[in-house]
Amino acid sequence: MSTSVSKSVWAGRIPLAISIDGSEAQHFGAVNTPSSIFIEASRTSYLILLTEEIRDLYRAAGLTLPDSTAEIWFEYQGKPLKWHYPLGLLYDILCISEPSYRQMEDTKSIPWNIKVHFQNYPAAHLFRDQSAATAKDFFMSMIKEADFLRYGSTKRVMNLSKSDQSQLWESLCSNDFDSFWKVNQRLIPVDDQVVRHIPLRLYLPDDCPVIQDRVSPRTEAGKANTSVHVLP
């Protein structure tokens, strides 16, 4: 993928309208239900990176909330949102698959209306150890997995200094593409370099399992593989 394409994907934004149920707001001391909070978030960001900001905004609106963010979770139309998925991925699999979106009535999905909860964490549906540190671990695991699929080892990632590995995550948190790409470009192949497999993972709507398989960069005929050949 070229730098310009990667930068365009990175620049994507999702307008969020975050609300809270009136009964839950009253439980935490609000006299009136606070208005929705509007945030323009990066598609590459994670909900877990927004929790402290959202908690503080609701505190300012009159809610008495605990310092810990361990019980904070989000939902869309009754579905708990996986905090270890990037926001852009969550939006695509939950909204773009909706019939209204396919019929171009996409104003119903923008801004994306989601609810925040500060209690009753759905541990049966979401990983319990939600934190920025754990999200970083998920992120780095995917980087290492992609490295292994491309080259048959994780040597390129493991050869990065601790500072460089941290820079990958921290630049994502701060939405600094140039800082991210400075390290990431050392992990991706150059034009004349042969890779074993293309890292590919498909996320489908309706709670379908994630599809992942080893994909050869070329077809049996020796031509460059494309999504037409790969996708069923």
Foldseek 3Di string as FASTA:
>chain_A
DDPVVVVVLQPDKAKEWEFADQVQQVVQPQPGGDGTDIDIGTQQAFVQLCQVVVVVVSVVNPGNADPDQLAKWKAAPPHTDERLHGNNVSCCQPPCPDPCVVVVVCVVPVNPYMYMHRHDRPVVRYPRPDHLVVSLVVVVVLLQVQLCLFAVGSVQVVPDDPVLSVQLSVCSSVSPSVSNCVSVVSRDDDPVDHTAFGWDWDDHHPPDDIDGDGHHQADPVGHGDDCVVVPD
